[in-house]
Amino acid sequence: MQRRLVLTITCPDRTGIVAAVTRFIADHGGWVLEAAQHGDLATGMFFQRIEIRADSLAIDPEEFAAHFAPIAEEFEMDWQLRDNLVRKRVLICVSNEEHCLSDLLHRWRSGDLHCEIVGVVSNHDELRHLAEWHEIPWHRIDLPAGAPEQKAQGFARLGSIIESSHADVVVLARFMQILPAPLCAAYPGRIINIHHSFLPSFAGARPYHQAFDRGVKLIGATCHYVNAELDAGPIIEQDATRIDHGDNVEELMRMGRDIERTVLARALRWHLEDRVLLNGNKTVVFA
């Protein structure tokens, strides 16, 4: 893989941002391989993602940061420069449903997901064998229903695992637990959830049963960042498939599992490649 530096920028929109950024890159010999930008008229915010061929720059990333700081300050930028060869560290949380975890582990092992999976966390033991076969650390936490103190301890342990594993992103791959608000607030834009419905329809539990009872003609899945509001965080990716009156709940669940796998994998890949920027409770995705 060719080494690239990925520059992402979020700032108030105004004249001269693109000129200042591209001039800076050119002045230091930078060869731009990919560039995308978006100005949001509703929020007045500007978003940009640029991939630079690392060996073309006359300065290293540390010097880049130092020299770029005055421009960032002038335009009030929230920005990041990341080396694409440095793998992000991913922690996966699951319950006892296998399909999303198996898919992510297969894509990771085959090289389709450029990351380091640093652990799998679960409140069940059914899927321990998958993590152990892939030689990935397995962490069991207890989250008993109806026992708030024990559940709080379990979530505290999850927070400790996130910190000790130095995870860059946490993936809730059908974890089926509502994270406490302080845990969500501690990792904004770093916790990804796959929800088995086309949000905002059928949030919460048993969405396939809700969809069946409502008689919808489309079902889907939604991958979103997690915040304190249930299933209401910024959406990264969605997909849907058509169903008909002859499909029962089990058929909906079978078809839905395929969508969940692909939607989660796409969203995680975009996140790993720094293609997703937060825009309030929405996202800008440079796919």
Protein backbone atom coordinates (compact mmCIF):
# COMPACT_ATOMS: atom_id res chain seq x y z
CA MET A 1 0.00 0.00 0.00
CA GLN A 2 1.34 3.41 -0.97
CA ARG A 3 1.90 5.68 1.99
CA ARG A 4 -0.46 8.63 2.01
CA LEU A 5 -1.19 11.41 4.45
CA VAL A 6 -4.90 12.09 4.87
CA LEU A 7 -5.83 15.65 5.81
CA THR A 8 -9.36 16.24 7.10
CA ILE A 9 -10.76 19.66 7.93
CA THR A 10 -13.94 20.99 9.49
CA CYS A 11 -14.39 24.73 9.94
CA PRO A 12 -16.77 27.65 9.42
CA ASP A 13 -17.20 28.24 5.71
CA ARG A 14 -15.71 31.36 4.13
CA THR A 15 -13.82 32.50 1.07
CA GLY A 16 -10.21 31.37 0.68
CA ILE A 17 -10.11 28.07 2.56
CA VAL A 18 -9.45 25.85 -0.45
CA ALA A 19 -6.88 28.26 -1.86
CA ALA A 20 -5.00 28.48 1.44
CA VAL A 21 -4.92 24.71 1.99
CA THR A 22 -3.95 23.72 -1.54
CA ARG A 23 -1.35 26.50 -1.76
CA PHE A 24 0.25 25.27 1.46
CA ILE A 25 0.40 21.70 0.14
CA ALA A 26 1.83 22.81 -3.20
CA ASP A 27 4.39 25.10 -1.57
CA HIS A 28 5.78 22.04 0.26
CA GLY A 29 5.87 19.83 -2.82
CA GLY A 30 2.71 17.89 -1.98
CA TRP A 31 1.18 15.69 -4.69
CA VAL A 32 -2.59 15.51 -4.17
CA LEU A 33 -4.00 12.10 -5.09
CA GLU A 34 -7.59 12.61 -3.98
CA ALA A 35 -9.59 15.62 -2.81
CA ALA A 36 -13.20 16.22 -1.80
CA GLN A 37 -14.99 19.10 -0.14
CA HIS A 38 -18.45 20.18 0.90
CA GLY A 39 -19.90 23.48 2.02
CA ASP A 40 -23.10 23.09 4.04
CA LEU A 41 -25.38 26.07 3.40
CA ALA A 42 -27.69 25.11 6.25
CA THR A 43 -25.02 25.11 8.96
CA GLY A 44 -22.43 27.38 7.36
CA MET A 45 -19.74 24.74 7.85
CA PHE A 46 -17.04 23.56 5.46
CA PHE A 47 -15.66 20.02 5.20
CA GLN A 48 -12.62 18.81 3.30
CA ARG A 49 -10.63 15.61 2.86
CA ILE A 50 -7.34 15.48 0.93
CA GLU A 51 -4.99 12.54 0.33
CA ILE A 52 -1.36 13.53 -0.23
CA ARG A 53 1.40 11.28 -1.51
CA ALA A 54 3.65 11.16 1.54
CA ASP A 55 6.95 10.85 -0.34
CA SER A 56 6.19 14.02 -2.32
CA LEU A 57 6.24 16.33 0.68
CA ALA A 58 9.43 18.18 1.56
CA ILE A 59 8.46 18.12 5.24
CA ASP A 60 7.53 15.32 7.63
CA PRO A 61 4.13 15.11 9.38
CA GLU A 62 5.40 16.85 12.52
CA GLU A 63 6.76 19.77 10.49
CA PHE A 64 3.53 19.80 8.46
CA ALA A 65 1.53 20.25 11.68
CA ALA A 66 3.77 23.03 12.94
CA HIS A 67 3.75 24.96 9.65
CA PHE A 68 0.03 24.42 9.03
CA ALA A 69 -1.01 25.65 12.50
CA PRO A 70 -1.26 29.37 11.53
CA ILE A 71 -3.62 28.54 8.65
CA ALA A 72 -5.70 26.32 10.91
CA GLU A 73 -5.92 29.11 13.48
CA GLU A 74 -6.86 31.72 10.88
CA PHE A 75 -9.77 29.66 9.58
CA GLU A 76 -10.78 28.15 12.98
CA MET A 77 -10.14 24.62 11.73
CA ASP A 78 -10.74 21.37 13.52
CA TRP A 79 -8.26 19.31 11.54
CA GLN A 80 -6.30 16.07 11.52
CA LEU A 81 -3.39 14.68 9.51
CA ARG A 82 -3.17 10.90 9.56
CA ASP A 83 -0.75 8.38 8.06
CA ASN A 84 -2.79 5.77 6.17
CA LEU A 85 -0.26 3.04 6.96
CA VAL A 86 -0.91 3.38 10.69
CA ARG A 87 -3.73 0.94 11.37
CA LYS A 88 -6.55 2.14 13.59
CA ARG A 89 -7.26 -0.04 16.61
CA VAL A 90 -10.76 -1.56 16.64
CA LEU A 91 -12.59 -3.06 19.62
CA ILE A 92 -15.71 -5.09 18.76
CA CYS A 93 -18.65 -5.58 21.13
CA VAL A 94 -21.17 -8.39 20.50
CA SER A 95 -23.92 -10.29 22.27
CA ASN A 96 -24.68 -13.78 21.00
CA GLU A 97 -25.51 -13.08 17.33
CA GLU A 98 -22.68 -14.17 15.07
CA HIS A 99 -23.24 -12.75 11.60
CA CYS A 100 -21.74 -9.26 11.96
CA LEU A 101 -18.76 -10.40 14.02
CA SER A 102 -17.96 -13.26 11.63
CA ASP A 103 -18.15 -10.94 8.65
CA LEU A 104 -15.86 -8.31 10.19
CA LEU A 105 -13.30 -10.91 11.26
CA HIS A 106 -13.29 -12.44 7.76
CA ARG A 107 -12.84 -9.04 6.10
CA TRP A 108 -10.07 -8.15 8.56
CA ARG A 109 -8.23 -11.45 8.10
CA SER A 110 -8.48 -11.22 4.30
CA GLY A 111 -7.13 -7.65 4.29
CA ASP A 112 -10.36 -5.94 3.23
CA LEU A 113 -10.40 -3.93 6.46
CA HIS A 114 -7.14 -2.09 7.10
CA CYS A 115 -7.13 -2.05 10.88
CA GLU A 116 -5.95 -3.87 13.98
CA ILE A 117 -8.67 -5.67 15.93
CA VAL A 118 -7.53 -5.40 19.52
CA GLY A 119 -10.29 -7.36 21.22
CA VAL A 120 -13.84 -8.67 21.31
CA VAL A 121 -16.11 -7.85 24.25
CA SER A 122 -19.33 -9.70 25.07
CA ASN A 123 -21.80 -10.31 27.86
CA HIS A 124 -22.20 -13.90 26.61
CA ASP A 125 -19.73 -16.70 25.89
CA GLU A 126 -21.27 -18.23 22.75
CA LEU A 127 -18.88 -16.45 20.37
CA ARG A 128 -15.68 -16.80 22.36
CA HIS A 129 -14.45 -19.50 19.96
CA LEU A 130 -14.47 -17.06 17.05
CA ALA A 131 -12.19 -14.59 18.79
CA GLU A 132 -9.89 -17.34 20.06
CA TRP A 133 -9.62 -18.95 16.61
CA HIS A 134 -8.51 -15.57 15.22
CA GLU A 135 -6.15 -15.17 18.21
CA ILE A 136 -7.92 -12.00 19.33
CA PRO A 137 -8.29 -11.20 23.05
CA TRP A 138 -11.73 -12.05 24.41
CA HIS A 139 -13.30 -10.05 27.24
CA ARG A 140 -16.39 -11.21 29.11
CA ILE A 141 -18.39 -8.56 30.96
CA ASP A 142 -21.54 -9.06 33.02
CA LEU A 143 -24.56 -6.91 32.20
CA PRO A 144 -27.44 -8.63 33.99
CA ALA A 145 -30.94 -7.27 33.36
CA GLY A 146 -32.64 -5.96 36.47
CA ALA A 147 -29.37 -5.47 38.37
CA PRO A 148 -28.40 -1.81 37.85
CA GLU A 149 -25.35 -1.86 40.12
CA GLN A 150 -23.85 -4.91 38.43
CA LYS A 151 -24.68 -3.46 35.03
CA ALA A 152 -22.92 -0.21 35.93
CA GLN A 153 -19.88 -2.24 36.96
CA GLY A 154 -20.00 -4.08 33.63
CA PHE A 155 -20.04 -0.84 31.67
CA ALA A 156 -17.23 0.53 33.82
CA ARG A 157 -15.22 -2.53 32.88
CA LEU A 158 -16.03 -1.88 29.20
CA GLY A 159 -14.67 1.64 29.59
CA SER A 160 -11.50 0.23 31.16
CA ILE A 161 -11.08 -2.23 28.27
CA ILE A 162 -11.46 0.59 25.74
CA GLU A 163 -8.76 2.58 27.51
CA SER A 164 -6.34 -0.28 28.18
CA SER A 165 -6.58 -1.56 24.59
CA HIS A 166 -6.01 2.00 23.25
CA ALA A 167 -8.97 1.49 20.89
CA ASP A 168 -9.48 4.18 18.29
CA VAL A 169 -12.98 2.98 17.46
CA VAL A 170 -15.53 0.73 19.18
CA VAL A 171 -17.90 -1.28 16.96
CA LEU A 172 -21.21 -2.46 18.41
CA ALA A 173 -21.75 -5.45 16.11
CA ARG A 174 -25.23 -6.35 17.40
CA PHE A 175 -24.21 -5.72 21.01
CA MET A 176 -27.90 -5.25 21.95
CA GLN A 177 -27.13 -3.07 24.98
CA ILE A 178 -27.84 0.61 25.60
CA LEU A 179 -24.60 2.34 26.54
CA PRO A 180 -24.76 4.78 29.48
CA ALA A 181 -24.60 8.45 28.55
CA PRO A 182 -21.18 9.12 30.17
CA LEU A 183 -19.61 6.33 28.12
CA CYS A 184 -21.14 7.74 24.92
CA ALA A 185 -19.93 11.23 25.78
CA ALA A 186 -16.40 10.01 26.43
CA TYR A 187 -15.96 8.78 22.84
CA PRO A 188 -17.86 11.09 20.45
CA GLY A 189 -17.58 9.93 16.86
CA ARG A 190 -15.69 6.82 17.97
CA ILE A 191 -18.48 4.33 18.73
CA ILE A 192 -20.24 2.79 15.72
CA ASN A 193 -23.48 0.82 15.98
CA ILE A 194 -25.35 -1.32 13.46
CA HIS A 195 -29.11 -1.12 13.97
CA HIS A 196 -31.35 -3.62 12.24
CA SER A 197 -33.86 -1.19 10.77
CA PHE A 198 -33.96 1.73 8.37
CA LEU A 199 -33.83 4.48 10.99
CA PRO A 200 -35.60 6.57 12.10
CA SER A 201 -38.27 3.90 11.59
CA PHE A 202 -38.52 1.17 14.23
CA ALA A 203 -35.89 2.30 16.71
CA GLY A 204 -35.34 0.24 19.83
CA ALA A 205 -35.98 -3.46 20.33
CA ARG A 206 -37.41 -6.05 17.90
CA PRO A 207 -37.47 -3.81 14.79
CA TYR A 208 -38.15 -6.73 12.42
CA HIS A 209 -41.23 -7.61 14.41
CA GLN A 210 -42.28 -3.95 14.36
CA ALA A 211 -41.77 -3.85 10.59
CA PHE A 212 -43.77 -7.04 10.09
CA ASP A 213 -46.64 -5.77 12.24
CA ARG A 214 -46.68 -2.48 10.31
CA GLY A 215 -46.70 -4.25 6.94
CA VAL A 216 -43.87 -2.25 5.40
CA LYS A 217 -42.60 -3.11 1.91
CA LEU A 218 -38.97 -2.20 2.58
CA ILE A 219 -36.69 -3.22 5.44
CA GLY A 220 -33.15 -2.08 6.00
CA ALA A 221 -30.23 -1.51 8.32
CA THR A 222 -28.53 1.62 9.60
CA CYS A 223 -24.98 2.19 10.77
CA HIS A 224 -24.58 5.26 12.96
CA TYR A 225 -22.38 6.85 15.58
CA VAL A 226 -23.62 6.35 19.13
CA ASN A 227 -24.77 9.16 21.35
CA ALA A 228 -26.87 9.30 24.51
CA GLU A 229 -30.17 9.22 22.58
CA LEU A 230 -31.28 5.70 21.64
CA ASP A 231 -30.59 4.90 17.97
CA ALA A 232 -30.48 8.60 17.11
CA GLY A 233 -26.78 9.29 16.53
CA PRO A 234 -25.34 10.63 13.25
CA ILE A 235 -26.04 8.17 10.42
CA ILE A 236 -23.06 6.92 8.39
CA GLU A 237 -24.63 4.41 6.00
CA GLN A 238 -27.97 2.70 5.25
CA ASP A 239 -29.38 0.17 2.81
CA ALA A 240 -32.73 -1.52 2.22
CA THR A 241 -34.34 -4.42 0.42
CA ARG A 242 -37.89 -5.06 -0.78
CA ILE A 243 -40.16 -7.54 0.96
CA ASP A 244 -43.76 -8.59 0.32
CA HIS A 245 -46.86 -9.80 2.08
CA GLY A 246 -45.68 -13.42 1.96
CA ASP A 247 -42.54 -12.86 4.04
CA ASN A 248 -42.78 -13.76 7.73
CA VAL A 249 -40.65 -12.36 10.55
CA GLU A 250 -38.03 -15.09 10.12
CA GLU A 251 -37.64 -14.19 6.42
CA LEU A 252 -37.28 -10.53 7.32
CA MET A 253 -34.56 -11.38 9.81
CA ARG A 254 -32.72 -13.59 7.30
CA MET A 255 -32.73 -10.89 4.61
CA GLY A 256 -31.89 -8.25 7.18
CA ARG A 257 -28.77 -10.02 8.35
CA ASP A 258 -27.26 -9.69 4.86
CA ILE A 259 -27.93 -5.96 4.84
CA GLU A 260 -26.56 -5.51 8.35
CA ARG A 261 -23.26 -7.14 7.39
CA THR A 262 -22.66 -5.03 4.29
CA VAL A 263 -23.81 -1.74 5.80
CA LEU A 264 -21.60 -2.18 8.87
CA ALA A 265 -18.56 -3.18 6.80
CA ARG A 266 -18.94 -0.18 4.46
CA ALA A 267 -19.39 2.29 7.29
CA LEU A 268 -16.43 0.92 9.25
CA ARG A 269 -14.19 1.02 6.18
CA TRP A 270 -15.12 4.66 5.53
CA HIS A 271 -14.43 5.51 9.16
CA LEU A 272 -11.05 3.77 9.06
CA GLU A 273 -10.17 5.75 5.94
CA ASP A 274 -11.20 9.07 7.54
CA ARG A 275 -13.99 9.55 5.02
CA VAL A 276 -16.65 10.44 7.59
CA LEU A 277 -16.83 13.90 9.16
CA LEU A 278 -19.39 14.91 11.78
CA ASN A 279 -21.80 17.70 10.94
CA GLY A 280 -23.87 18.17 14.08
CA ASN A 281 -26.24 15.20 14.20
CA LYS A 282 -25.49 14.37 10.56
CA THR A 283 -22.38 13.22 8.72
CA VAL A 284 -20.51 14.19 5.60
CA VAL A 285 -19.27 11.02 3.90
CA PHE A 286 -16.61 11.33 1.19
CA ALA A 287 -17.08 7.77 -0.09
